PDB file of all heavy atoms in Angstrom:
ATOM      1  N   VAL A   1      86.957 -22.481 119.806  1.00  0.00           N
ATOM      2  CA  VAL A   1      87.363 -21.344 120.557  1.00  0.00           C
ATOM      3  C   VAL A   1      86.116 -20.350 120.716  1.00  0.00           C
ATOM      4  O   VAL A   1      85.407 -20.121 119.753  1.00  0.00           O
ATOM      5  CB  VAL A   1      88.465 -20.607 119.959  1.00  0.00           C
ATOM      6  CG1 VAL A   1      88.765 -19.277 120.671  1.00  0.00           C
ATOM      7  CG2 VAL A   1      89.717 -21.417 119.811  1.00  0.00           C
ATOM      8  N   PHE A   2      85.903 -19.970 121.880  1.00  0.00           N
ATOM      9  CA  PHE A   2      84.876 -18.934 122.180  1.00  0.00           C
ATOM     10  C   PHE A   2      85.516 -17.541 122.064  1.00  0.00           C
ATOM     11  O   PHE A   2      86.204 -17.189 123.043  1.00  0.00           O
ATOM     12  CB  PHE A   2      84.224 -19.157 123.597  1.00  0.00           C
ATOM     13  CG  PHE A   2      82.889 -18.460 123.791  1.00  0.00           C
ATOM     14  CD1 PHE A   2      81.681 -18.958 123.426  1.00  0.00           C
ATOM     15  CD2 PHE A   2      82.904 -17.236 124.456  1.00  0.00           C
ATOM     16  CE1 PHE A   2      80.481 -18.269 123.637  1.00  0.00           C
ATOM     17  CE2 PHE A   2      81.736 -16.479 124.604  1.00  0.00           C
ATOM     18  CZ  PHE A   2      80.569 -17.036 124.197  1.00  0.00           C
ATOM     19  N   SER A   3      85.268 -16.926 121.017  1.00  0.00           N
ATOM     20  CA  SER A   3      86.087 -15.807 120.679  1.00  0.00           C
ATOM     21  C   SER A   3      85.689 -14.510 121.492  1.00  0.00           C
ATOM     22  O   SER A   3      84.579 -14.419 122.040  1.00  0.00           O
ATOM     23  CB  SER A   3      86.013 -15.350 119.183  1.00  0.00           C
ATOM     24  OG  SER A   3      84.617 -14.999 118.962  1.00  0.00           O
ATOM     25  N   GLU A   4      86.640 -13.571 121.423  1.00  0.00           N
ATOM     26  CA  GLU A   4      86.319 -12.312 122.235  1.00  0.00           C
ATOM     27  C   GLU A   4      85.217 -11.507 121.438  1.00  0.00           C
ATOM     28  O   GLU A   4      84.409 -10.765 122.006  1.00  0.00           O
ATOM     29  CB  GLU A   4      87.601 -11.388 122.206  1.00  0.00           C
ATOM     30  CG  GLU A   4      87.500 -10.125 122.893  1.00  0.00           C
ATOM     31  CD  GLU A   4      87.170 -10.232 124.395  1.00  0.00           C
ATOM     32  OE1 GLU A   4      87.471 -11.323 125.023  1.00  0.00           O
ATOM     33  OE2 GLU A   4      86.493  -9.333 124.928  1.00  0.00           O
ATOM     34  N   GLU A   5      85.138 -11.668 120.057  1.00  0.00           N
ATOM     35  CA  GLU A   5      84.112 -10.978 119.385  1.00  0.00           C
ATOM     36  C   GLU A   5      82.757 -11.469 119.825  1.00  0.00           C
ATOM     37  O   GLU A   5      81.794 -10.718 119.958  1.00  0.00           O
ATOM     38  CB  GLU A   5      84.339 -11.244 117.818  1.00  0.00           C
ATOM     39  CG  GLU A   5      83.258 -10.426 117.026  1.00  0.00           C
ATOM     40  CD  GLU A   5      83.509 -10.739 115.443  1.00  0.00           C
ATOM     41  OE1 GLU A   5      84.414 -11.411 115.096  1.00  0.00           O
ATOM     42  OE2 GLU A   5      82.722 -10.262 114.716  1.00  0.00           O
ATOM     43  N   CYS A   6      82.658 -12.759 120.005  1.00  0.00           N
ATOM     44  CA  CYS A   6      81.372 -13.396 120.425  1.00  0.00           C
ATOM     45  C   CYS A   6      81.094 -12.844 121.865  1.00  0.00           C
ATOM     46  O   CYS A   6      79.889 -12.536 122.233  1.00  0.00           O
ATOM     47  CB  CYS A   6      81.414 -14.837 120.406  1.00  0.00           C
ATOM     48  SG  CYS A   6      79.829 -15.661 120.953  1.00  0.00           S
ATOM     49  N   ARG A   7      82.088 -12.798 122.786  1.00  0.00           N
ATOM     50  CA  ARG A   7      81.863 -12.341 124.072  1.00  0.00           C
ATOM     51  C   ARG A   7      81.321 -10.863 124.123  1.00  0.00           C
ATOM     52  O   ARG A   7      80.529 -10.465 124.919  1.00  0.00           O
ATOM     53  CB  ARG A   7      83.145 -12.554 124.915  1.00  0.00           C
ATOM     54  CG  ARG A   7      83.019 -12.223 126.359  1.00  0.00           C
ATOM     55  CD  ARG A   7      84.278 -12.668 127.242  1.00  0.00           C
ATOM     56  NE  ARG A   7      84.304 -14.117 127.235  1.00  0.00           N
ATOM     57  CZ  ARG A   7      85.254 -14.826 126.589  1.00  0.00           C
ATOM     58  NH1 ARG A   7      86.099 -14.250 125.736  1.00  0.00           N
ATOM     59  NH2 ARG A   7      85.335 -16.105 126.719  1.00  0.00           N
ATOM     60  N   GLN A   8      81.936 -10.075 123.245  1.00  0.00           N
ATOM     61  CA  GLN A   8      81.462  -8.658 123.192  1.00  0.00           C
ATOM     62  C   GLN A   8      80.003  -8.527 122.711  1.00  0.00           C
ATOM     63  O   GLN A   8      79.255  -7.734 123.148  1.00  0.00           O
ATOM     64  CB  GLN A   8      82.389  -7.924 122.265  1.00  0.00           C
ATOM     65  CG  GLN A   8      83.819  -7.604 122.752  1.00  0.00           C
ATOM     66  CD  GLN A   8      84.723  -7.004 121.782  1.00  0.00           C
ATOM     67  OE1 GLN A   8      84.491  -6.740 120.657  1.00  0.00           O
ATOM     68  NE2 GLN A   8      85.975  -6.781 122.247  1.00  0.00           N
ATOM     69  N   ALA A   9      79.658  -9.406 121.710  1.00  0.00           N
ATOM     70  CA  ALA A   9      78.249  -9.411 121.291  1.00  0.00           C
ATOM     71  C   ALA A   9      77.303  -9.858 122.324  1.00  0.00           C
ATOM     72  O   ALA A   9      76.232  -9.194 122.543  1.00  0.00           O
ATOM     73  CB  ALA A   9      78.147 -10.332 120.001  1.00  0.00           C
ATOM     74  N   VAL A  10      77.678 -10.818 123.077  1.00  0.00           N
ATOM     75  CA  VAL A  10      76.834 -11.279 124.223  1.00  0.00           C
ATOM     76  C   VAL A  10      76.753 -10.071 125.295  1.00  0.00           C
ATOM     77  O   VAL A  10      75.589  -9.872 125.729  1.00  0.00           O
ATOM     78  CB  VAL A  10      77.521 -12.490 124.967  1.00  0.00           C
ATOM     79  CG1 VAL A  10      76.826 -12.748 126.282  1.00  0.00           C
ATOM     80  CG2 VAL A  10      77.384 -13.724 123.989  1.00  0.00           C
ATOM     81  N   ASP A  11      77.813  -9.429 125.560  1.00  0.00           N
ATOM     82  CA  ASP A  11      77.703  -8.272 126.538  1.00  0.00           C
ATOM     83  C   ASP A  11      76.842  -7.249 126.010  1.00  0.00           C
ATOM     84  O   ASP A  11      76.117  -6.524 126.806  1.00  0.00           O
ATOM     85  CB  ASP A  11      79.118  -7.825 126.829  1.00  0.00           C
ATOM     86  CG  ASP A  11      80.023  -8.770 127.592  1.00  0.00           C
ATOM     87  OD1 ASP A  11      79.392  -9.694 128.239  1.00  0.00           O
ATOM     88  OD2 ASP A  11      81.237  -8.621 127.574  1.00  0.00           O
ATOM     89  N   ARG A  12      76.913  -6.903 124.729  1.00  0.00           N
ATOM     90  CA  ARG A  12      76.155  -5.794 124.087  1.00  0.00           C
ATOM     91  C   ARG A  12      74.685  -6.175 124.216  1.00  0.00           C
ATOM     92  O   ARG A  12      73.942  -5.234 124.620  1.00  0.00           O
ATOM     93  CB  ARG A  12      76.527  -5.607 122.603  1.00  0.00           C
ATOM     94  CG  ARG A  12      75.655  -4.549 121.971  1.00  0.00           C
ATOM     95  CD  ARG A  12      76.328  -4.205 120.588  1.00  0.00           C
ATOM     96  NE  ARG A  12      76.162  -5.226 119.579  1.00  0.00           N
ATOM     97  CZ  ARG A  12      75.075  -5.299 118.896  1.00  0.00           C
ATOM     98  NH1 ARG A  12      74.006  -4.478 119.081  1.00  0.00           N
ATOM     99  NH2 ARG A  12      75.000  -6.244 117.908  1.00  0.00           N
ATOM    100  N   VAL A  13      74.339  -7.357 124.012  1.00  0.00           N
ATOM    101  CA  VAL A  13      72.797  -7.675 124.083  1.00  0.00           C
ATOM    102  C   VAL A  13      72.520  -7.618 125.574  1.00  0.00           C
ATOM    103  O   VAL A  13      71.270  -7.144 125.877  1.00  0.00           O
ATOM    104  CB  VAL A  13      72.598  -9.155 123.577  1.00  0.00           C
ATOM    105  CG1 VAL A  13      71.238  -9.608 123.842  1.00  0.00           C
ATOM    106  CG2 VAL A  13      72.855  -9.164 122.112  1.00  0.00           C
ATOM    107  N   ALA A  14      73.258  -8.178 126.488  1.00  0.00           N
ATOM    108  CA  ALA A  14      72.845  -8.051 127.900  1.00  0.00           C
ATOM    109  C   ALA A  14      72.698  -6.676 128.443  1.00  0.00           C
ATOM    110  O   ALA A  14      71.673  -6.294 129.131  1.00  0.00           O
ATOM    111  CB  ALA A  14      73.861  -8.780 128.755  1.00  0.00           C
ATOM    112  N   LYS A  15      73.582  -5.740 128.012  1.00  0.00           N
ATOM    113  CA  LYS A  15      73.553  -4.286 128.347  1.00  0.00           C
ATOM    114  C   LYS A  15      72.290  -3.631 127.747  1.00  0.00           C
ATOM    115  O   LYS A  15      71.858  -2.621 128.364  1.00  0.00           O
ATOM    116  CB  LYS A  15      74.854  -3.657 128.065  1.00  0.00           C
ATOM    117  CG  LYS A  15      75.957  -3.999 128.891  1.00  0.00           C
ATOM    118  CD  LYS A  15      77.306  -3.417 128.485  1.00  0.00           C
ATOM    119  CE  LYS A  15      78.517  -3.844 129.300  1.00  0.00           C
ATOM    120  NZ  LYS A  15      79.762  -3.200 128.806  1.00  0.00           N
ATOM    121  N   ALA A  16      71.880  -4.133 126.640  1.00  0.00           N
ATOM    122  CA  ALA A  16      70.724  -3.535 126.065  1.00  0.00           C
ATOM    123  C   ALA A  16      69.349  -4.006 126.691  1.00  0.00           C
ATOM    124  O   ALA A  16      68.354  -3.650 126.316  1.00  0.00           O
ATOM    125  CB  ALA A  16      70.663  -3.793 124.557  1.00  0.00           C
ATOM    126  N   GLY A  17      69.529  -4.919 127.649  1.00  0.00           N
ATOM    127  CA  GLY A  17      68.323  -5.385 128.387  1.00  0.00           C
ATOM    128  C   GLY A  17      67.808  -6.727 127.719  1.00  0.00           C
ATOM    129  O   GLY A  17      66.658  -7.217 128.041  1.00  0.00           O
ATOM    130  N   GLY A  18      68.507  -7.292 126.690  1.00  0.00           N
ATOM    131  CA  GLY A  18      68.066  -8.505 126.026  1.00  0.00           C
ATOM    132  C   GLY A  18      68.694  -9.727 126.610  1.00  0.00           C
ATOM    133  O   GLY A  18      69.472  -9.770 127.437  1.00  0.00           O
ATOM    134  N   THR A  19      68.248 -10.849 126.056  1.00  0.00           N
ATOM    135  CA  THR A  19      68.912 -12.240 126.407  1.00  0.00           C
ATOM    136  C   THR A  19      69.595 -12.657 125.219  1.00  0.00           C
ATOM    137  O   THR A  19      69.039 -12.899 124.055  1.00  0.00           O
ATOM    138  CB  THR A  19      67.702 -13.177 126.750  1.00  0.00           C
ATOM    139  OG1 THR A  19      66.980 -12.597 127.875  1.00  0.00           O
ATOM    140  CG2 THR A  19      68.269 -14.528 127.089  1.00  0.00           C
ATOM    141  N   PRO A  20      70.848 -12.924 125.387  1.00  0.00           N
ATOM    142  CA  PRO A  20      71.686 -13.479 124.265  1.00  0.00           C
ATOM    143  C   PRO A  20      71.681 -14.972 124.174  1.00  0.00           C
ATOM    144  O   PRO A  20      71.823 -15.684 125.076  1.00  0.00           O
ATOM    145  CB  PRO A  20      73.151 -12.986 124.610  1.00  0.00           C
ATOM    146  CG  PRO A  20      73.139 -12.918 126.051  1.00  0.00           C
ATOM    147  CD  PRO A  20      71.769 -12.612 126.527  1.00  0.00           C
ATOM    148  N   LEU A  21      71.417 -15.480 122.872  1.00  0.00           N
ATOM    149  CA  LEU A  21      71.437 -16.910 122.660  1.00  0.00           C
ATOM    150  C   LEU A  21      72.569 -17.096 121.583  1.00  0.00           C
ATOM    151  O   LEU A  21      72.552 -16.543 120.533  1.00  0.00           O
ATOM    152  CB  LEU A  21      70.144 -17.500 122.043  1.00  0.00           C
ATOM    153  CG  LEU A  21      69.030 -17.761 122.982  1.00  0.00           C
ATOM    154  CD1 LEU A  21      67.823 -18.268 122.303  1.00  0.00           C
ATOM    155  CD2 LEU A  21      69.402 -18.540 124.230  1.00  0.00           C
ATOM    156  N   VAL A  22      73.497 -17.934 122.018  1.00  0.00           N
ATOM    157  CA  VAL A  22      74.676 -18.229 121.113  1.00  0.00           C
ATOM    158  C   VAL A  22      74.372 -19.435 120.196  1.00  0.00           C
ATOM    159  O   VAL A  22      73.841 -20.424 120.737  1.00  0.00           O
ATOM    160  CB  VAL A  22      75.947 -18.440 121.862  1.00  0.00           C
ATOM    161  CG1 VAL A  22      77.161 -18.795 121.001  1.00  0.00           C
ATOM    162  CG2 VAL A  22      76.344 -17.175 122.670  1.00  0.00           C
ATOM    163  N   VAL A  23      74.752 -19.348 118.881  1.00  0.00           N
ATOM    164  CA  VAL A  23      74.535 -20.462 117.930  1.00  0.00           C
ATOM    165  C   VAL A  23      75.904 -20.865 117.461  1.00  0.00           C
ATOM    166  O   VAL A  23      76.687 -20.109 117.081  1.00  0.00           O
ATOM    167  CB  VAL A  23      73.619 -19.922 116.849  1.00  0.00           C
ATOM    168  CG1 VAL A  23      73.341 -21.091 115.745  1.00  0.00           C
ATOM    169  CG2 VAL A  23      72.237 -19.426 117.186  1.00  0.00           C
ATOM    170  N   ALA A  24      76.072 -22.260 117.427  1.00  0.00           N
ATOM    171  CA  ALA A  24      77.267 -22.866 116.998  1.00  0.00           C
ATOM    172  C   ALA A  24      76.933 -23.917 116.048  1.00  0.00           C
ATOM    173  O   ALA A  24      75.865 -24.644 116.220  1.00  0.00           O
ATOM    174  CB  ALA A  24      78.086 -23.334 118.174  1.00  0.00           C
TER     175      ALA A  24
END
């Protein structure tokens, strides 16, 4: 499951001008 918490972390990084990389 790709959780809502992970999606929020991805959005936070993008809004800060960064590039999010997800680790599984």
